[in-house]
């Protein structure tokens, strides 16, 4: 997974990814949530990482373990399911309009 493409600290991005996948101890989960409520920029970072994680899921870029964690967390929420479905629709539409590559 390409978690270092953000201008933000890659360690933060990795931690947030683990948070979104439910792969952190409860105490760390709570710390991230507390920080997000107090820091609007951190909340935006979480939202950006969530979008990237959804896109990566839709493109099939997650490991088997990450995909299972993603599905357990994201399909449990109606809001997150809608985000995933939107990303799938967008990806399908994008591929329809991409020009075909000429074989060399």
C-alpha atoms as a PDB file:
ATOM      1  CA  UNK A   1       0.000   0.000   0.000  1.00  0.00           C
ATOM      2  CA  UNK A   2       1.342   3.428  -0.887  1.00  0.00           C
ATOM      3  CA  UNK A   3       0.892   5.262   2.381  1.00  0.00           C
ATOM      4  CA  UNK A   4       3.829   7.617   1.977  1.00  0.00           C
ATOM      5  CA  UNK A   5       2.496   9.649  -0.938  1.00  0.00           C
ATOM      6  CA  UNK A   6       1.133  12.279   1.440  1.00  0.00           C
ATOM      7  CA  UNK A   7       3.121  15.351   2.318  1.00  0.00           C
ATOM      8  CA  UNK A   8       2.329  14.478   5.905  1.00  0.00           C
ATOM      9  CA  UNK A   9       4.507  12.320   8.126  1.00  0.00           C
ATOM     10  CA  UNK A  10       4.361   8.756   6.739  1.00  0.00           C
ATOM     11  CA  UNK A  11       4.315   7.420  10.309  1.00  0.00           C
ATOM     12  CA  UNK A  12       1.110   9.394  10.968  1.00  0.00           C
ATOM     13  CA  UNK A  13      -0.411   8.128   7.731  1.00  0.00           C
ATOM     14  CA  UNK A  14       0.453   4.527   8.638  1.00  0.00           C
ATOM     15  CA  UNK A  15      -0.955   4.971  12.155  1.00  0.00           C
ATOM     16  CA  UNK A  16      -4.179   6.458  10.765  1.00  0.00           C
ATOM     17  CA  UNK A  17      -4.465   3.605   8.272  1.00  0.00           C
ATOM     18  CA  UNK A  18      -4.146   1.107  11.107  1.00  0.00           C
ATOM     19  CA  UNK A  19      -6.750   3.130  13.049  1.00  0.00           C
ATOM     20  CA  UNK A  20      -9.174   3.002  10.119  1.00  0.00           C
ATOM     21  CA  UNK A  21      -8.644  -0.742   9.765  1.00  0.00           C
ATOM     22  CA  UNK A  22      -9.233  -1.293  13.492  1.00  0.00           C
ATOM     23  CA  UNK A  23      -5.707  -2.576  13.923  1.00  0.00           C
ATOM     24  CA  UNK A  24      -4.791  -0.571  17.043  1.00  0.00           C
ATOM     25  CA  UNK A  25      -5.310  -1.141  20.749  1.00  0.00           C
ATOM     26  CA  UNK A  26      -8.375   0.603  22.160  1.00  0.00           C
ATOM     27  CA  UNK A  27      -6.227   3.168  24.007  1.00  0.00           C
ATOM     28  CA  UNK A  28      -4.497   4.269  20.792  1.00  0.00           C
ATOM     29  CA  UNK A  29      -7.831   4.375  18.968  1.00  0.00           C
ATOM     30  CA  UNK A  30      -9.168   6.737  21.638  1.00  0.00           C
ATOM     31  CA  UNK A  31      -6.050   8.928  21.472  1.00  0.00           C
ATOM     32  CA  UNK A  32      -6.456   9.362  17.720  1.00  0.00           C
ATOM     33  CA  UNK A  33     -10.149  10.204  18.122  1.00  0.00           C
ATOM     34  CA  UNK A  34      -9.383  12.746  20.852  1.00  0.00           C
ATOM     35  CA  UNK A  35      -6.729  14.394  18.694  1.00  0.00           C
ATOM     36  CA  UNK A  36      -9.082  14.492  15.704  1.00  0.00           C
ATOM     37  CA  UNK A  37     -11.739  16.306  17.730  1.00  0.00           C
ATOM     38  CA  UNK A  38      -9.196  18.886  18.889  1.00  0.00           C
ATOM     39  CA  UNK A  39      -7.208  19.342  15.662  1.00  0.00           C
ATOM     40  CA  UNK A  40      -9.081  20.135  12.429  1.00  0.00           C
ATOM     41  CA  UNK A  41      -5.981  19.496  10.312  1.00  0.00           C
ATOM     42  CA  UNK A  42      -5.576  16.047  11.832  1.00  0.00           C
ATOM     43  CA  UNK A  43      -9.246  15.317  11.128  1.00  0.00           C
ATOM     44  CA  UNK A  44      -8.676  16.330   7.485  1.00  0.00           C
ATOM     45  CA  UNK A  45      -5.679  14.001   7.347  1.00  0.00           C
ATOM     46  CA  UNK A  46      -7.829  11.132   8.640  1.00  0.00           C
ATOM     47  CA  UNK A  47     -10.431  11.880   5.971  1.00  0.00           C
ATOM     48  CA  UNK A  48      -7.762  11.978   3.257  1.00  0.00           C
ATOM     49  CA  UNK A  49      -6.247   8.688   4.396  1.00  0.00           C
ATOM     50  CA  UNK A  50      -9.743   7.167   4.477  1.00  0.00           C
ATOM     51  CA  UNK A  51     -10.366   8.219   0.868  1.00  0.00           C
ATOM     52  CA  UNK A  52      -7.014   6.797  -0.210  1.00  0.00           C
ATOM     53  CA  UNK A  53      -7.714   3.559   1.661  1.00  0.00           C
ATOM     54  CA  UNK A  54     -11.094   3.207  -0.052  1.00  0.00           C
ATOM     55  CA  UNK A  55      -9.511   3.859  -3.452  1.00  0.00           C
ATOM     56  CA  UNK A  56      -6.826   1.299  -2.783  1.00  0.00           C
ATOM     57  CA  UNK A  57      -9.469  -1.259  -1.759  1.00  0.00           C
ATOM     58  CA  UNK A  58     -11.454  -0.606  -4.932  1.00  0.00           C
ATOM     59  CA  UNK A  59      -8.309  -1.017  -7.071  1.00  0.00           C
ATOM     60  CA  UNK A  60      -7.452  -4.295  -5.313  1.00  0.00           C
ATOM     61  CA  UNK A  61      -4.292  -2.897  -3.748  1.00  0.00           C
ATOM     62  CA  UNK A  62      -4.777  -4.134  -0.183  1.00  0.00           C
ATOM     63  CA  UNK A  63      -3.176  -7.265   1.201  1.00  0.00           C
ATOM     64  CA  UNK A  64      -5.503 -10.144   2.081  1.00  0.00           C
ATOM     65  CA  UNK A  65      -5.325  -9.224   5.779  1.00  0.00           C
ATOM     66  CA  UNK A  66      -5.951  -5.522   5.113  1.00  0.00           C
ATOM     67  CA  UNK A  67      -8.851  -6.356   2.787  1.00  0.00           C
ATOM     68  CA  UNK A  68     -10.491  -8.479   5.496  1.00  0.00           C
ATOM     69  CA  UNK A  69     -10.012  -5.735   8.097  1.00  0.00           C
ATOM     70  CA  UNK A  70     -11.303  -3.118   5.649  1.00  0.00           C
ATOM     71  CA  UNK A  71     -14.429  -5.114   4.844  1.00  0.00           C
ATOM     72  CA  UNK A  72     -15.139  -5.801   8.523  1.00  0.00           C
ATOM     73  CA  UNK A  73     -14.861  -2.112   9.406  1.00  0.00           C
ATOM     74  CA  UNK A  74     -16.183  -0.349   6.326  1.00  0.00           C
ATOM     75  CA  UNK A  75     -19.093  -2.624   5.485  1.00  0.00           C
ATOM     76  CA  UNK A  76     -20.388  -2.385   9.055  1.00  0.00           C
ATOM     77  CA  UNK A  77     -21.234   1.293   8.492  1.00  0.00           C
ATOM     78  CA  UNK A  78     -23.885   2.450   6.020  1.00  0.00           C
ATOM     79  CA  UNK A  79     -22.009   5.729   5.464  1.00  0.00           C
ATOM     80  CA  UNK A  80     -18.742   3.967   4.712  1.00  0.00           C
ATOM     81  CA  UNK A  81     -20.493   1.435   2.449  1.00  0.00           C
ATOM     82  CA  UNK A  82     -21.840   4.365   0.431  1.00  0.00           C
ATOM     83  CA  UNK A  83     -18.332   5.793   0.140  1.00  0.00           C
ATOM     84  CA  UNK A  84     -17.010   2.460  -1.118  1.00  0.00           C
ATOM     85  CA  UNK A  85     -19.846   2.120  -3.641  1.00  0.00           C
ATOM     86  CA  UNK A  86     -19.225   5.670  -4.860  1.00  0.00           C
ATOM     87  CA  UNK A  87     -15.511   4.910  -5.302  1.00  0.00           C
ATOM     88  CA  UNK A  88     -16.358   1.726  -7.241  1.00  0.00           C
ATOM     89  CA  UNK A  89     -18.724   3.652  -9.508  1.00  0.00           C
ATOM     90  CA  UNK A  90     -16.152   6.391 -10.032  1.00  0.00           C
ATOM     91  CA  UNK A  91     -13.415   3.863 -10.839  1.00  0.00           C
ATOM     92  CA  UNK A  92     -15.668   2.105 -13.353  1.00  0.00           C
ATOM     93  CA  UNK A  93     -16.604   5.401 -15.005  1.00  0.00           C
ATOM     94  CA  UNK A  94     -12.966   6.476 -15.086  1.00  0.00           C
ATOM     95  CA  UNK A  95     -11.934   3.256 -16.839  1.00  0.00           C
ATOM     96  CA  UNK A  96     -14.710   3.698 -19.428  1.00  0.00           C
ATOM     97  CA  UNK A  97     -13.313   7.056 -20.476  1.00  0.00           C
ATOM     98  CA  UNK A  98      -9.621   6.215 -20.431  1.00  0.00           C
ATOM     99  CA  UNK A  99      -8.208   5.900 -23.916  1.00  0.00           C
ATOM    100  CA  UNK A 100      -7.162   2.398 -24.870  1.00  0.00           C
ATOM    101  CA  UNK A 101      -3.420   1.878 -24.950  1.00  0.00           C
ATOM    102  CA  UNK A 102      -1.894   0.931 -28.256  1.00  0.00           C
ATOM    103  CA  UNK A 103       0.045  -2.319 -28.088  1.00  0.00           C
ATOM    104  CA  UNK A 104       3.662  -1.649 -28.967  1.00  0.00           C
END
